[in-house]
């Protein structure tokens, strides 16, 4: 399996070659299993291996807080919910063998051509550099997925989709908006 995230010495993560993302999780400040303190790479590894994370109700939230104006925060959160919904519809399309539909959805709703739709320039200026890189990595991964889906390669499509969701997991583990 391809390595989506890699620990970088000096306090960050390298996300699919897109740059370093500083995270409290890497220093063991985010716990998944009570006393266990896995690195961000291990958390993404859990997502890649389809293992559900344990209940996190007793975990102190040590993510980096990103302050946004209220309207931009609501806009960003709505975009993320739409991204999740799109991934769900893509999974349904793949299951039904509708590769062209999956590719179209990925590119139009998540891929590089969707940046204007999401107001990336407007919200990007409020994001830390690592968060911006993670967002760009998501959009690039979605475009790569769309290209793979057009080839009607189901295993390759699922591997490319894993890159999208691993990017989501990494960013949501590292950051929260307020």
Protein backbone atom coordinates (compact mmCIF):
# COMPACT_ATOMS: atom_id res chain seq x y z
CA UNK A 1 0.00 0.00 0.00
CA UNK A 2 1.28 3.48 -0.81
CA UNK A 3 2.33 5.62 2.08
CA UNK A 4 0.13 8.71 2.10
CA UNK A 5 1.67 10.32 5.15
CA UNK A 6 5.22 10.23 6.37
CA UNK A 7 6.66 11.61 9.58
CA UNK A 8 9.10 14.44 8.99
CA UNK A 9 11.78 15.16 11.59
CA UNK A 10 11.30 18.57 13.08
CA UNK A 11 7.61 18.50 13.96
CA UNK A 12 5.31 17.86 11.05
CA UNK A 13 3.87 15.46 8.54
CA UNK A 14 4.49 15.21 4.84
CA UNK A 15 1.12 14.81 3.14
CA UNK A 16 1.36 13.08 -0.23
CA UNK A 17 4.35 15.19 -1.13
CA UNK A 18 2.43 18.44 -0.58
CA UNK A 19 4.49 19.80 2.31
CA UNK A 20 4.70 19.58 6.06
CA UNK A 21 1.64 19.75 8.29
CA UNK A 22 2.42 20.64 11.91
CA UNK A 23 0.28 18.67 14.31
CA UNK A 24 -0.02 18.16 18.02
CA UNK A 25 -0.90 14.55 17.27
CA UNK A 26 2.63 13.81 16.14
CA UNK A 27 3.99 14.62 19.58
CA UNK A 28 1.57 12.10 21.08
CA UNK A 29 -0.92 14.65 22.34
CA UNK A 30 -3.92 13.05 20.67
CA UNK A 31 -4.97 9.68 22.01
CA UNK A 32 -7.10 7.12 20.25
CA UNK A 33 -7.25 4.38 22.89
CA UNK A 34 -7.19 6.10 26.25
CA UNK A 35 -3.50 5.75 27.19
CA UNK A 36 -2.18 4.98 23.70
CA UNK A 37 -0.74 7.93 21.82
CA UNK A 38 -0.27 7.02 18.13
CA UNK A 39 1.31 9.32 15.60
CA UNK A 40 -0.79 10.98 12.89
CA UNK A 41 0.63 8.48 10.42
CA UNK A 42 -0.71 5.63 12.53
CA UNK A 43 -4.13 7.28 12.72
CA UNK A 44 -4.25 7.55 8.93
CA UNK A 45 -2.99 3.99 8.71
CA UNK A 46 -6.08 2.96 10.69
CA UNK A 47 -8.27 4.71 8.12
CA UNK A 48 -6.39 3.09 5.24
CA UNK A 49 -6.88 -0.36 6.76
CA UNK A 50 -10.56 0.30 7.40
CA UNK A 51 -10.24 -0.20 11.13
CA UNK A 52 -12.66 1.99 13.11
CA UNK A 53 -11.10 4.22 15.72
CA UNK A 54 -12.14 3.54 19.29
CA UNK A 55 -14.53 5.86 21.09
CA UNK A 56 -12.82 9.20 21.61
CA UNK A 57 -15.10 10.70 24.26
CA UNK A 58 -12.36 10.83 26.91
CA UNK A 59 -9.77 12.41 24.60
CA UNK A 60 -8.70 16.01 25.12
CA UNK A 61 -8.85 17.86 21.81
CA UNK A 62 -5.32 19.05 21.03
CA UNK A 63 -5.91 19.97 17.38
CA UNK A 64 -4.76 23.32 16.08
CA UNK A 65 -7.66 25.77 16.25
CA UNK A 66 -8.20 27.84 13.12
CA UNK A 67 -10.28 30.97 13.75
CA UNK A 68 -12.53 32.02 10.89
CA UNK A 69 -15.18 34.69 10.53
CA UNK A 70 -18.58 33.13 11.21
CA UNK A 71 -19.81 33.20 7.60
CA UNK A 72 -16.60 31.61 6.30
CA UNK A 73 -16.65 28.97 9.03
CA UNK A 74 -20.23 28.04 8.14
CA UNK A 75 -19.28 27.98 4.45
CA UNK A 76 -16.25 25.75 5.10
CA UNK A 77 -18.19 23.34 7.29
CA UNK A 78 -20.94 23.10 4.66
CA UNK A 79 -18.27 22.37 2.02
CA UNK A 80 -16.83 19.58 4.15
CA UNK A 81 -20.26 18.03 4.66
CA UNK A 82 -20.79 18.20 0.90
CA UNK A 83 -17.39 16.53 0.38
CA UNK A 84 -18.45 13.68 2.66
CA UNK A 85 -21.78 13.34 0.86
CA UNK A 86 -19.96 13.32 -2.50
CA UNK A 87 -17.62 10.56 -1.33
CA UNK A 88 -20.64 8.52 -0.30
CA UNK A 89 -22.29 8.97 -3.72
CA UNK A 90 -18.97 8.09 -5.41
CA UNK A 91 -18.85 4.86 -3.41
CA UNK A 92 -22.38 4.02 -4.54
CA UNK A 93 -21.48 4.75 -8.16
CA UNK A 94 -18.38 2.54 -7.94
CA UNK A 95 -20.42 -0.24 -6.39
CA UNK A 96 -22.86 0.01 -9.30
CA UNK A 97 -20.05 0.02 -11.87
CA UNK A 98 -20.81 3.64 -12.89
CA UNK A 99 -17.20 4.73 -13.32
CA UNK A 100 -18.01 7.75 -15.48
CA UNK A 101 -20.45 9.07 -12.88
CA UNK A 102 -17.92 8.54 -10.09
CA UNK A 103 -15.24 10.35 -12.11
CA UNK A 104 -17.57 13.24 -12.98
CA UNK A 105 -18.64 13.70 -9.36
CA UNK A 106 -15.09 13.52 -8.05
CA UNK A 107 -13.78 16.12 -10.46
CA UNK A 108 -16.74 18.51 -10.36
CA UNK A 109 -17.31 18.41 -6.58
CA UNK A 110 -13.86 17.58 -5.16
CA UNK A 111 -11.23 17.86 -7.88
CA UNK A 112 -9.03 20.73 -8.99
CA UNK A 113 -11.80 22.14 -11.17
CA UNK A 114 -13.99 22.58 -8.05
CA UNK A 115 -11.73 25.13 -6.32
CA UNK A 116 -13.79 28.11 -7.46
CA UNK A 117 -16.98 26.40 -6.31
CA UNK A 118 -15.58 26.10 -2.80
CA UNK A 119 -14.28 29.66 -2.52
CA UNK A 120 -10.76 28.39 -1.87
CA UNK A 121 -9.10 31.78 -2.30
CA UNK A 122 -11.48 33.43 0.14
CA UNK A 123 -11.09 30.85 2.93
CA UNK A 124 -7.48 29.93 2.20
CA UNK A 125 -6.10 33.20 3.49
CA UNK A 126 -7.35 32.34 7.00
CA UNK A 127 -5.81 28.85 7.03
CA UNK A 128 -2.40 27.88 8.35
CA UNK A 129 -0.04 26.78 5.57
CA UNK A 130 -0.37 23.09 6.47
CA UNK A 131 -4.15 23.25 6.27
CA UNK A 132 -3.95 24.95 2.86
CA UNK A 133 -1.59 22.24 1.63
CA UNK A 134 -3.91 19.54 2.94
CA UNK A 135 -6.85 21.11 1.10
CA UNK A 136 -4.86 21.29 -2.11
CA UNK A 137 -3.77 17.67 -1.63
CA UNK A 138 -7.44 16.67 -1.31
CA UNK A 139 -8.37 18.39 -4.58
CA UNK A 140 -5.38 16.92 -6.42
CA UNK A 141 -6.16 13.44 -5.07
CA UNK A 142 -9.75 13.77 -6.28
CA UNK A 143 -8.56 14.66 -9.77
CA UNK A 144 -6.22 11.64 -9.74
CA UNK A 145 -9.16 9.49 -8.62
CA UNK A 146 -11.32 10.81 -11.47
CA UNK A 147 -8.64 9.86 -13.99
CA UNK A 148 -8.31 6.37 -12.47
CA UNK A 149 -12.09 5.87 -12.42
CA UNK A 150 -12.28 6.77 -16.11
CA UNK A 151 -9.98 3.79 -16.75
CA UNK A 152 -12.66 1.57 -15.12
CA UNK A 153 -10.04 0.08 -12.83
CA UNK A 154 -12.00 -0.76 -9.67
CA UNK A 155 -9.06 -1.70 -7.40
CA UNK A 156 -7.09 1.32 -8.65
CA UNK A 157 -10.10 3.55 -8.12
CA UNK A 158 -10.49 2.39 -4.54
CA UNK A 159 -6.76 2.95 -3.87
CA UNK A 160 -7.10 6.48 -5.30
CA UNK A 161 -10.21 7.08 -3.18
CA UNK A 162 -8.23 6.01 -0.10
CA UNK A 163 -5.83 8.87 -0.83
CA UNK A 164 -8.76 11.31 -0.71
CA UNK A 165 -10.11 10.00 2.58
CA UNK A 166 -6.63 9.75 4.14
CA UNK A 167 -6.18 13.44 3.37
CA UNK A 168 -9.48 14.21 5.09
CA UNK A 169 -8.48 12.15 8.14
CA UNK A 170 -5.10 13.87 8.37
CA UNK A 171 -6.54 17.38 8.19
CA UNK A 172 -9.41 16.69 10.60
CA UNK A 173 -6.94 15.13 13.04
CA UNK A 174 -4.65 18.14 12.90
CA UNK A 175 -7.09 21.08 12.73
CA UNK A 176 -10.45 22.33 13.89
CA UNK A 177 -12.24 25.51 12.95
CA UNK A 178 -13.78 27.96 15.37
